[in-house]
């Protein structure tokens, strides 16, 4: 919430980026996992690292908690939010 309020604060404009990253992807039978996370995770982990960790779990909530714990362990300095979706098929 504090960051969203800062989007309109002109003195912070050079430090914040409010435009989203958007990617269109078809979800099909080859899709195993989807990880939605904030900068606090992505600044300290690569896409492949997050997938490798998340795939160790059948429970998406446990996978998400492990990813957050790993980002904290790597000394992330940003807010960390993470949602893991595991597709069955």
Protein backbone atom coordinates (compact mmCIF):
# COMPACT_ATOMS: atom_id res chain seq x y z
CA UNK A 1 0.00 0.00 0.00
CA UNK A 2 2.81 2.42 0.85
CA UNK A 3 4.41 1.82 -2.54
CA UNK A 4 1.14 2.26 -4.41
CA UNK A 5 0.64 5.60 -2.67
CA UNK A 6 4.14 6.62 -3.73
CA UNK A 7 3.33 6.15 -7.44
CA UNK A 8 1.86 9.63 -7.46
CA UNK A 9 4.68 11.15 -5.38
CA UNK A 10 6.77 13.11 -7.89
CA UNK A 11 9.83 13.09 -5.62
CA UNK A 12 9.87 9.26 -5.78
CA UNK A 13 9.22 8.88 -9.53
CA UNK A 14 12.87 8.16 -10.29
CA UNK A 15 12.90 5.27 -7.80
CA UNK A 16 9.63 3.52 -8.65
CA UNK A 17 8.31 1.80 -11.71
CA UNK A 18 4.54 1.49 -11.87
CA UNK A 19 4.10 0.01 -15.34
CA UNK A 20 3.41 -3.74 -15.21
CA UNK A 21 5.26 -6.48 -17.06
CA UNK A 22 2.72 -8.20 -19.27
CA UNK A 23 3.15 -11.47 -21.11
CA UNK A 24 0.55 -13.46 -23.03
CA UNK A 25 1.04 -17.21 -22.78
CA UNK A 26 -1.18 -20.11 -23.70
CA UNK A 27 -1.75 -22.51 -20.85
CA UNK A 28 -1.98 -26.02 -22.23
CA UNK A 29 -1.17 -29.61 -21.25
CA UNK A 30 2.54 -28.78 -21.28
CA UNK A 31 2.16 -26.08 -18.61
CA UNK A 32 3.29 -27.36 -15.21
CA UNK A 33 3.58 -24.34 -12.97
CA UNK A 34 2.93 -20.60 -12.74
CA UNK A 35 4.78 -18.39 -10.27
CA UNK A 36 3.51 -14.86 -9.63
CA UNK A 37 5.81 -12.91 -7.37
CA UNK A 38 6.93 -9.42 -6.45
CA UNK A 39 10.35 -7.87 -6.99
CA UNK A 40 11.52 -9.10 -3.61
CA UNK A 41 11.73 -12.59 -5.08
CA UNK A 42 12.85 -11.80 -8.62
CA UNK A 43 15.68 -9.50 -7.54
CA UNK A 44 17.46 -12.39 -5.80
CA UNK A 45 16.38 -15.43 -7.84
CA UNK A 46 16.27 -16.35 -11.51
CA UNK A 47 13.25 -17.82 -13.26
CA UNK A 48 14.90 -21.24 -13.39
CA UNK A 49 15.85 -21.16 -9.70
CA UNK A 50 12.25 -20.48 -8.71
CA UNK A 51 10.96 -23.28 -10.91
CA UNK A 52 13.53 -25.74 -9.58
CA UNK A 53 12.50 -25.00 -5.99
CA UNK A 54 8.74 -24.94 -6.63
CA UNK A 55 8.75 -28.24 -8.53
CA UNK A 56 10.02 -30.01 -5.41
CA UNK A 57 6.56 -29.55 -3.85
CA UNK A 58 3.14 -30.97 -4.67
CA UNK A 59 1.48 -28.38 -2.43
CA UNK A 60 1.59 -24.89 -4.02
CA UNK A 61 1.33 -23.18 -0.62
CA UNK A 62 4.43 -25.03 0.63
CA UNK A 63 6.22 -24.14 -2.60
CA UNK A 64 5.33 -20.48 -2.16
CA UNK A 65 6.51 -20.45 1.46
CA UNK A 66 9.79 -22.08 0.46
CA UNK A 67 10.37 -19.52 -2.29
CA UNK A 68 9.76 -16.69 0.16
CA UNK A 69 12.07 -18.30 2.72
CA UNK A 70 14.78 -18.64 0.07
CA UNK A 71 14.44 -14.97 -0.94
CA UNK A 72 14.76 -13.94 2.73
CA UNK A 73 17.79 -16.24 3.09
CA UNK A 74 19.34 -14.49 0.09
CA UNK A 75 18.86 -11.19 1.92
CA UNK A 76 16.17 -9.70 -0.30
CA UNK A 77 15.69 -6.02 0.59
CA UNK A 78 12.29 -5.65 -1.07
CA UNK A 79 8.77 -6.76 -0.17
CA UNK A 80 8.25 -10.42 -0.98
CA UNK A 81 4.93 -11.79 -2.22
CA UNK A 82 4.54 -15.10 -4.01
CA UNK A 83 1.72 -17.19 -5.43
CA UNK A 84 2.40 -20.62 -6.92
CA UNK A 85 -0.13 -22.35 -9.18
CA UNK A 86 0.50 -26.00 -9.97
CA UNK A 87 -1.40 -27.35 -12.97
CA UNK A 88 -2.55 -30.95 -12.96
CA UNK A 89 -2.67 -32.78 -16.20
